[in-house]
PDB file of N, CA and C in Angstrom:
ATOM      1  N   MET A   1     -12.369  -9.948   4.548  1.00  0.00           N
ATOM      2  CA  MET A   1     -11.062  -9.205   4.874  1.00  0.00           C
ATOM      3  C   MET A   1     -11.229  -8.435   6.172  1.00  0.00           C
ATOM      4  N   ARG A   2     -10.187  -8.725   7.052  1.00  0.00           N
ATOM      5  CA  ARG A   2     -10.462  -8.193   8.393  1.00  0.00           C
ATOM      6  C   ARG A   2      -9.355  -7.000   8.577  1.00  0.00           C
ATOM      7  N   LEU A   3      -9.701  -5.739   8.858  1.00  0.00           N
ATOM      8  CA  LEU A   3      -8.703  -4.749   9.142  1.00  0.00           C
ATOM      9  C   LEU A   3      -8.011  -5.079  10.420  1.00  0.00           C
ATOM     10  N   VAL A   4      -6.549  -5.312  10.486  1.00  0.00           N
ATOM     11  CA  VAL A   4      -5.832  -5.576  11.416  1.00  0.00           C
ATOM     12  C   VAL A   4      -5.219  -4.278  12.219  1.00  0.00           C
ATOM     13  N   LYS A   5      -4.729  -3.253  11.245  1.00  0.00           N
ATOM     14  CA  LYS A   5      -4.058  -2.050  11.878  1.00  0.00           C
ATOM     15  C   LYS A   5      -4.247  -0.932  10.844  1.00  0.00           C
ATOM     16  N   GLN A   6      -4.575   0.174  11.280  1.00  0.00           N
ATOM     17  CA  GLN A   6      -4.327   1.369  10.314  1.00  0.00           C
ATOM     18  C   GLN A   6      -3.226   2.085  11.046  1.00  0.00           C
ATOM     19  N   ILE A   7      -2.150   2.646  10.171  1.00  0.00           N
ATOM     20  CA  ILE A   7      -0.991   3.160  10.431  1.00  0.00           C
ATOM     21  C   ILE A   7      -1.115   4.651  10.218  1.00  0.00           C
ATOM     22  N   PRO A   8      -1.051   5.568  11.232  1.00  0.00           N
ATOM     23  CA  PRO A   8      -1.121   6.746  10.816  1.00  0.00           C
ATOM     24  C   PRO A   8       0.050   7.379   9.921  1.00  0.00           C
ATOM     25  N   HIS A   9      -0.259   8.315   9.073  1.00  0.00           N
ATOM     26  CA  HIS A   9       0.704   8.914   8.158  1.00  0.00           C
ATOM     27  C   HIS A   9      -0.008   9.996   7.515  1.00  0.00           C
ATOM     28  N   ASP A  10       0.864  11.096   7.444  1.00  0.00           N
ATOM     29  CA  ASP A  10       0.150  12.403   6.982  1.00  0.00           C
ATOM     30  C   ASP A  10      -0.037  12.651   5.454  1.00  0.00           C
ATOM     31  N   ARG A  11       0.487  11.493   4.665  1.00  0.00           N
ATOM     32  CA  ARG A  11       0.211  11.679   3.223  1.00  0.00           C
ATOM     33  C   ARG A  11      -0.584  10.487   2.742  1.00  0.00           C
ATOM     34  N   TYR A  12      -0.471   9.119   3.369  1.00  0.00           N
ATOM     35  CA  TYR A  12      -1.015   7.998   2.901  1.00  0.00           C
ATOM     36  C   TYR A  12      -2.060   7.456   3.792  1.00  0.00           C
ATOM     37  N   LEU A  13      -2.942   6.719   3.351  1.00  0.00           N
ATOM     38  CA  LEU A  13      -3.767   5.774   4.243  1.00  0.00           C
ATOM     39  C   LEU A  13      -2.979   4.551   4.075  1.00  0.00           C
ATOM     40  N   ILE A  14      -2.626   3.916   5.199  1.00  0.00           N
ATOM     41  CA  ILE A  14      -1.814   2.783   5.369  1.00  0.00           C
ATOM     42  C   ILE A  14      -2.537   1.679   6.201  1.00  0.00           C
ATOM     43  N   GLN A  15      -2.848   0.702   5.458  1.00  0.00           N
ATOM     44  CA  GLN A  15      -3.888  -0.454   6.295  1.00  0.00           C
ATOM     45  C   GLN A  15      -3.269  -1.761   6.102  1.00  0.00           C
ATOM     46  N   ILE A  16      -3.328  -2.415   7.229  1.00  0.00           N
ATOM     47  CA  ILE A  16      -2.805  -3.828   7.240  1.00  0.00           C
ATOM     48  C   ILE A  16      -4.185  -4.873   7.359  1.00  0.00           C
ATOM     49  N   HIS A  17      -4.480  -5.523   6.529  1.00  0.00           N
ATOM     50  CA  HIS A  17      -5.701  -6.399   6.601  1.00  0.00           C
ATOM     51  C   HIS A  17      -5.143  -7.958   6.747  1.00  0.00           C
ATOM     52  N   GLN A  18      -5.996  -8.710   7.006  1.00  0.00           N
ATOM     53  CA  GLN A  18      -5.704 -10.157   7.135  1.00  0.00           C
ATOM     54  C   GLN A  18      -6.803 -10.961   6.479  1.00  0.00           C
ATOM     55  N   TYR A  19      -6.319 -11.840   5.436  1.00  0.00           N
ATOM     56  CA  TYR A  19      -7.373 -12.591   4.603  1.00  0.00           C
ATOM     57  C   TYR A  19      -6.717 -13.907   4.110  1.00  0.00           C
ATOM     58  N   ASN A  20      -7.342 -14.884   4.188  1.00  0.00           N
ATOM     59  CA  ASN A  20      -6.892 -16.230   3.681  1.00  0.00           C
ATOM     60  C   ASN A  20      -5.245 -16.486   4.199  1.00  0.00           C
ATOM     61  N   GLY A  21      -5.028 -16.295   5.160  1.00  0.00           N
ATOM     62  CA  GLY A  21      -3.631 -16.642   5.581  1.00  0.00           C
ATOM     63  C   GLY A  21      -2.636 -15.721   5.141  1.00  0.00           C
ATOM     64  N   LYS A  22      -2.984 -14.479   4.830  1.00  0.00           N
ATOM     65  CA  LYS A  22      -1.949 -13.572   4.437  1.00  0.00           C
ATOM     66  C   LYS A  22      -2.447 -12.061   5.080  1.00  0.00           C
ATOM     67  N   TYR A  23      -1.300 -11.327   5.095  1.00  0.00           N
ATOM     68  CA  TYR A  23      -1.375 -10.103   5.600  1.00  0.00           C
ATOM     69  C   TYR A  23      -1.385  -9.198   4.237  1.00  0.00           C
ATOM     70  N   ILE A  24      -2.274  -8.357   4.120  1.00  0.00           N
ATOM     71  CA  ILE A  24      -2.374  -7.431   2.816  1.00  0.00           C
ATOM     72  C   ILE A  24      -2.053  -5.980   3.431  1.00  0.00           C
ATOM     73  N   LEU A  25      -0.869  -5.554   2.742  1.00  0.00           N
ATOM     74  CA  LEU A  25      -0.463  -4.077   3.292  1.00  0.00           C
ATOM     75  C   LEU A  25      -0.846  -3.127   2.031  1.00  0.00           C
ATOM     76  N   GLN A  26      -1.887  -2.285   2.550  1.00  0.00           N
ATOM     77  CA  GLN A  26      -2.522  -1.350   1.404  1.00  0.00           C
ATOM     78  C   GLN A  26      -2.024  -0.020   1.694  1.00  0.00           C
ATOM     79  N   ILE A  27      -1.501   0.610   0.567  1.00  0.00           N
ATOM     80  CA  ILE A  27      -1.102   2.013   0.848  1.00  0.00           C
ATOM     81  C   ILE A  27      -1.971   2.630  -0.196  1.00  0.00           C
ATOM     82  N   THR A  28      -2.755   3.726   0.195  1.00  0.00           N
ATOM     83  CA  THR A  28      -3.499   4.530  -0.631  1.00  0.00           C
ATOM     84  C   THR A  28      -3.084   5.935  -0.770  1.00  0.00           C
ATOM     85  N   LEU A  29      -3.060   6.638  -2.026  1.00  0.00           N
ATOM     86  CA  LEU A  29      -2.807   7.955  -2.109  1.00  0.00           C
ATOM     87  C   LEU A  29      -3.925   8.476  -3.065  1.00  0.00           C
ATOM     88  N   GLY A  30      -4.860   9.082  -2.633  1.00  0.00           N
ATOM     89  CA  GLY A  30      -6.105   9.767  -3.509  1.00  0.00           C
ATOM     90  C   GLY A  30      -6.815   8.480  -4.135  1.00  0.00           C
ATOM     91  N   GLN A  31      -6.721   8.404  -5.448  1.00  0.00           N
ATOM     92  CA  GLN A  31      -7.671   7.302  -6.066  1.00  0.00           C
ATOM     93  C   GLN A  31      -6.900   6.141  -6.490  1.00  0.00           C
ATOM     94  N   PHE A  32      -5.473   6.102  -6.163  1.00  0.00           N
ATOM     95  CA  PHE A  32      -4.598   4.972  -6.444  1.00  0.00           C
ATOM     96  C   PHE A  32      -4.228   4.226  -5.279  1.00  0.00           C
ATOM     97  N   GLU A  33      -4.042   2.901  -5.543  1.00  0.00           N
ATOM     98  CA  GLU A  33      -3.745   2.126  -4.156  1.00  0.00           C
ATOM     99  C   GLU A  33      -2.709   1.142  -4.726  1.00  0.00           C
ATOM    100  N   GLN A  34      -1.644   0.634  -3.666  1.00  0.00           N
ATOM    101  CA  GLN A  34      -0.673  -0.273  -3.880  1.00  0.00           C
ATOM    102  C   GLN A  34      -1.123  -1.284  -2.738  1.00  0.00           C
ATOM    103  N   SER A  35      -1.030  -2.688  -3.272  1.00  0.00           N
ATOM    104  CA  SER A  35      -1.097  -3.833  -2.311  1.00  0.00           C
ATOM    105  C   SER A  35       0.064  -4.695  -2.313  1.00  0.00           C
ATOM    106  N   PHE A  36       0.295  -5.106  -1.069  1.00  0.00           N
ATOM    107  CA  PHE A  36       1.370  -6.142  -0.953  1.00  0.00           C
ATOM    108  C   PHE A  36       0.974  -7.124   0.042  1.00  0.00           C
ATOM    109  N   LYS A  37       1.058  -8.485  -0.591  1.00  0.00           N
ATOM    110  CA  LYS A  37       0.514  -9.746   0.134  1.00  0.00           C
ATOM    111  C   LYS A  37       1.741 -10.364   0.901  1.00  0.00           C
ATOM    112  N   LEU A  38       1.679 -10.737   2.010  1.00  0.00           N
ATOM    113  CA  LEU A  38       2.653 -11.588   2.773  1.00  0.00           C
ATOM    114  C   LEU A  38       2.055 -12.658   3.407  1.00  0.00           C
ATOM    115  N   ASP A  39       2.577 -13.892   3.323  1.00  0.00           N
ATOM    116  CA  ASP A  39       2.185 -14.827   4.325  1.00  0.00           C
ATOM    117  C   ASP A  39       2.107 -14.504   5.676  1.00  0.00           C
ATOM    118  N   VAL A  40       1.025 -14.918   6.547  1.00  0.00           N
ATOM    119  CA  VAL A  40       1.154 -14.623   7.792  1.00  0.00           C
ATOM    120  C   VAL A  40       2.288 -15.340   8.653  1.00  0.00           C
ATOM    121  N   ALA A  41       2.713 -16.714   7.965  1.00  0.00           N
ATOM    122  CA  ALA A  41       3.924 -17.281   8.674  1.00  0.00           C
ATOM    123  C   ALA A  41       5.164 -16.617   8.502  1.00  0.00           C
ATOM    124  N   ASP A  42       5.165 -15.716   7.471  1.00  0.00           N
ATOM    125  CA  ASP A  42       6.453 -14.954   7.231  1.00  0.00           C
ATOM    126  C   ASP A  42       6.705 -13.636   8.045  1.00  0.00           C
ATOM    127  N   VAL A  43       5.737 -13.355   8.957  1.00  0.00           N
ATOM    128  CA  VAL A  43       5.759 -12.098   9.590  1.00  0.00           C
ATOM    129  C   VAL A  43       5.596 -12.479  11.014  1.00  0.00           C
ATOM    130  N   MET A  44       6.401 -12.128  11.894  1.00  0.00           N
ATOM    131  CA  MET A  44       6.493 -12.483  13.240  1.00  0.00           C
ATOM    132  C   MET A  44       5.375 -12.027  14.035  1.00  0.00           C
ATOM    133  N   ASN A  45       5.198 -10.515  13.766  1.00  0.00           N
ATOM    134  CA  ASN A  45       4.005  -9.832  14.025  1.00  0.00           C
ATOM    135  C   ASN A  45       3.665  -8.580  13.537  1.00  0.00           C
ATOM    136  N   VAL A  46       2.487  -8.036  13.504  1.00  0.00           N
ATOM    137  CA  VAL A  46       2.036  -6.821  12.979  1.00  0.00           C
ATOM    138  C   VAL A  46       3.106  -5.653  13.079  1.00  0.00           C
ATOM    139  N   ASP A  47       3.384  -5.725  14.295  1.00  0.00           N
ATOM    140  CA  ASP A  47       4.410  -4.456  14.758  1.00  0.00           C
ATOM    141  C   ASP A  47       5.574  -4.555  13.952  1.00  0.00           C
ATOM    142  N   ASP A  48       6.044  -5.627  13.618  1.00  0.00           N
ATOM    143  CA  ASP A  48       7.327  -5.745  12.783  1.00  0.00           C
ATOM    144  C   ASP A  48       7.040  -5.269  11.467  1.00  0.00           C
ATOM    145  N   LEU A  49       6.175  -5.686  11.003  1.00  0.00           N
ATOM    146  CA  LEU A  49       5.633  -5.105   9.403  1.00  0.00           C
ATOM    147  C   LEU A  49       5.607  -3.667   9.633  1.00  0.00           C
ATOM    148  N   GLU A  50       4.943  -3.121  10.528  1.00  0.00           N
ATOM    149  CA  GLU A  50       4.795  -1.667  10.673  1.00  0.00           C
ATOM    150  C   GLU A  50       6.112  -0.993  10.870  1.00  0.00           C
ATOM    151  N   HIS A  51       7.087  -1.365  11.485  1.00  0.00           N
ATOM    152  CA  HIS A  51       8.343  -0.937  11.564  1.00  0.00           C
ATOM    153  C   HIS A  51       9.119  -1.095  10.329  1.00  0.00           C
ATOM    154  N   ALA A  52       9.002  -1.889   9.529  1.00  0.00           N
ATOM    155  CA  ALA A  52       9.642  -2.249   8.143  1.00  0.00           C
ATOM    156  C   ALA A  52       9.211  -1.253   7.150  1.00  0.00           C
ATOM    157  N   ILE A  53       8.026  -0.593   7.434  1.00  0.00           N
ATOM    158  CA  ILE A  53       7.422   0.442   6.507  1.00  0.00           C
ATOM    159  C   ILE A  53       8.278   1.869   6.879  1.00  0.00           C
ATOM    160  N   ASP A  54       9.378   1.948   6.161  1.00  0.00           N
ATOM    161  CA  ASP A  54      10.353   3.203   6.532  1.00  0.00           C
ATOM    162  C   ASP A  54      10.115   4.289   5.303  1.00  0.00           C
ATOM    163  N   ASP A  55      10.878   5.333   5.431  1.00  0.00           N
ATOM    164  CA  ASP A  55      10.846   6.462   4.513  1.00  0.00           C
ATOM    165  C   ASP A  55      11.314   5.993   3.216  1.00  0.00           C
ATOM    166  N   ALA A  56      12.278   5.085   3.167  1.00  0.00           N
ATOM    167  CA  ALA A  56      12.797   4.671   1.637  1.00  0.00           C
ATOM    168  C   ALA A  56      11.699   3.968   1.069  1.00  0.00           C
ATOM    169  N   PHE A  57      11.027   2.978   1.848  1.00  0.00           N
ATOM    170  CA  PHE A  57       9.826   2.202   1.200  1.00  0.00           C
ATOM    171  C   PHE A  57       8.788   3.074   0.651  1.00  0.00           C
ATOM    172  N   LEU A  58       8.425   4.097   1.402  1.00  0.00           N
ATOM    173  CA  LEU A  58       7.423   4.901   1.102  1.00  0.00           C
ATOM    174  C   LEU A  58       7.746   6.060  -0.132  1.00  0.00           C
ATOM    175  N   SER A  59       9.009   6.019  -0.083  1.00  0.00           N
ATOM    176  CA  SER A  59       9.637   6.993  -1.177  1.00  0.00           C
ATOM    177  C   SER A  59       9.357   6.261  -2.604  1.00  0.00           C
ATOM    178  N   LYS A  60       9.550   4.853  -2.587  1.00  0.00           N
ATOM    179  CA  LYS A  60       9.434   4.189  -3.830  1.00  0.00           C
ATOM    180  C   LYS A  60       8.014   3.963  -4.090  1.00  0.00           C
ATOM    181  N   CYS A  61       7.151   3.930  -2.989  1.00  0.00           N
ATOM    182  CA  CYS A  61       5.714   3.882  -3.338  1.00  0.00           C
ATOM    183  C   CYS A  61       5.204   5.288  -3.887  1.00  0.00           C
ATOM    184  N   LEU A  62       5.796   6.181  -3.580  1.00  0.00           N
ATOM    185  CA  LEU A  62       5.498   7.627  -4.069  1.00  0.00           C
ATOM    186  C   LEU A  62       5.687   7.492  -5.569  1.00  0.00           C
ATOM    187  N   HIS A  63       6.813   6.988  -5.884  1.00  0.00           N
ATOM    188  CA  HIS A  63       7.439   7.202  -7.290  1.00  0.00           C
ATOM    189  C   HIS A  63       6.447   6.313  -8.023  1.00  0.00           C
ATOM    190  N   ARG A  64       5.843   5.129  -7.545  1.00  0.00           N
ATOM    191  CA  ARG A  64       5.118   4.215  -8.395  1.00  0.00           C
ATOM    192  C   ARG A  64       3.662   4.904  -8.284  1.00  0.00           C
ATOM    193  N   PHE A  65       3.241   5.668  -7.468  1.00  0.00           N
ATOM    194  CA  PHE A  65       1.982   6.312  -7.545  1.00  0.00           C
ATOM    195  C   PHE A  65       2.064   7.493  -8.517  1.00  0.00           C
ATOM    196  N   ILE A  66       3.214   8.024  -8.554  1.00  0.00           N
ATOM    197  CA  ILE A  66       3.257   9.148  -9.923  1.00  0.00           C
ATOM    198  C   ILE A  66       3.237   8.392 -11.183  1.00  0.00           C
ATOM    199  N   GLU A  67       3.802   7.107 -11.242  1.00  0.00           N
ATOM    200  CA  GLU A  67       3.891   6.460 -12.613  1.00  0.00           C
ATOM    201  C   GLU A  67       2.476   6.230 -12.734  1.00  0.00           C
ATOM    202  N   MET A  68       1.669   5.643 -11.765  1.00  0.00           N
ATOM    203  CA  MET A  68       0.391   5.228 -12.065  1.00  0.00           C
ATOM    204  C   MET A  68      -0.510   6.491 -12.526  1.00  0.00           C
ATOM    205  N   ARG A  69      -0.181   7.526 -11.940  1.00  0.00           N
ATOM    206  CA  ARG A  69      -1.063   8.761 -12.368  1.00  0.00           C
ATOM    207  C   ARG A  69      -0.781   9.181 -13.854  1.00  0.00           C
ATOM    208  N   GLU A  70       0.559   9.125 -14.305  1.00  0.00           N
ATOM    209  CA  GLU A  70       0.863   9.297 -15.532  1.00  0.00           C
ATOM    210  C   GLU A  70       0.258   8.153 -16.493  1.00  0.00           C
ATOM    211  N   ASP A  71       0.313   6.953 -16.142  1.00  0.00           N
ATOM    212  CA  ASP A  71      -0.251   5.887 -16.878  1.00  0.00           C
ATOM    213  C   ASP A  71      -1.823   6.273 -17.239  1.00  0.00           C
ATOM    214  N   TRP A  72      -2.366   6.614 -16.107  1.00  0.00           N
ATOM    215  CA  TRP A  72      -3.793   6.885 -15.993  1.00  0.00           C
ATOM    216  C   TRP A  72      -4.174   8.063 -16.907  1.00  0.00           C
ATOM    217  N   THR A  73      -3.381   9.140 -16.762  1.00  0.00           N
ATOM    218  CA  THR A  73      -3.588  10.304 -17.474  1.00  0.00           C
ATOM    219  C   THR A  73      -3.537  10.010 -19.153  1.00  0.00           C
ATOM    220  N   ALA A  74      -2.602   9.302 -19.359  1.00  0.00           N
ATOM    221  CA  ALA A  74      -2.217   8.799 -20.862  1.00  0.00           C
ATOM    222  C   ALA A  74      -3.608   7.966 -21.291  1.00  0.00           C
ATOM    223  N   ILE A  75      -4.099   7.103 -20.512  1.00  0.00           N
ATOM    224  CA  ILE A  75      -5.334   6.193 -20.944  1.00  0.00           C
ATOM    225  C   ILE A  75      -6.500   7.337 -20.988  1.00  0.00           C
ATOM    226  N   TYR A  76      -6.594   8.107 -19.989  1.00  0.00           N
ATOM    227  CA  TYR A  76      -7.836   8.930 -20.142  1.00  0.00           C
ATOM    228  C   TYR A  76      -7.778   9.848 -21.256  1.00  0.00           C
ATOM    229  N   ALA A  77      -6.754  10.325 -21.708  1.00  0.00           N
ATOM    230  CA  ALA A  77      -6.652  11.292 -22.844  1.00  0.00           C
ATOM    231  C   ALA A  77      -7.005  10.386 -24.094  1.00  0.00           C
ATOM    232  N   LYS A  78      -6.670   9.161 -24.135  1.00  0.00           N
ATOM    233  CA  LYS A  78      -7.222   8.631 -25.411  1.00  0.00           C
ATOM    234  C   LYS A  78      -8.819   8.090 -25.502  1.00  0.00           C
ATOM    235  N   ILE A  79      -9.431   8.239 -24.157  1.00  0.00           N
ATOM    236  CA  ILE A  79     -10.811   7.938 -24.330  1.00  0.00           C
ATOM    237  C   ILE A  79     -11.599   9.222 -24.256  1.00  0.00           C
ATOM    238  N   ASN A  80     -11.092  10.413 -24.079  1.00  0.00           N
ATOM    239  CA  ASN A  80     -11.757  11.723 -24.166  1.00  0.00           C
ATOM    240  C   ASN A  80     -11.365  12.669 -25.383  1.00  0.00           C
TER     241      ASN A  80
END
């Protein structure tokens, strides 16, 4: 997997990788990560993908991160 671009952000680690004919958009917050796979043929260029990552998209990502943490907390409570 090749790192194509890292997008600066104050809250998230946002990276675009390329692997097996796909772009993989990874958004990381702490110990949690979300990945989105897109065919390279579906993206005109990486800059277009970067500009598509707007506040509305990142807000939805934040809500998923919160749900992920809640799910993990519930599982962790069962094993401890």
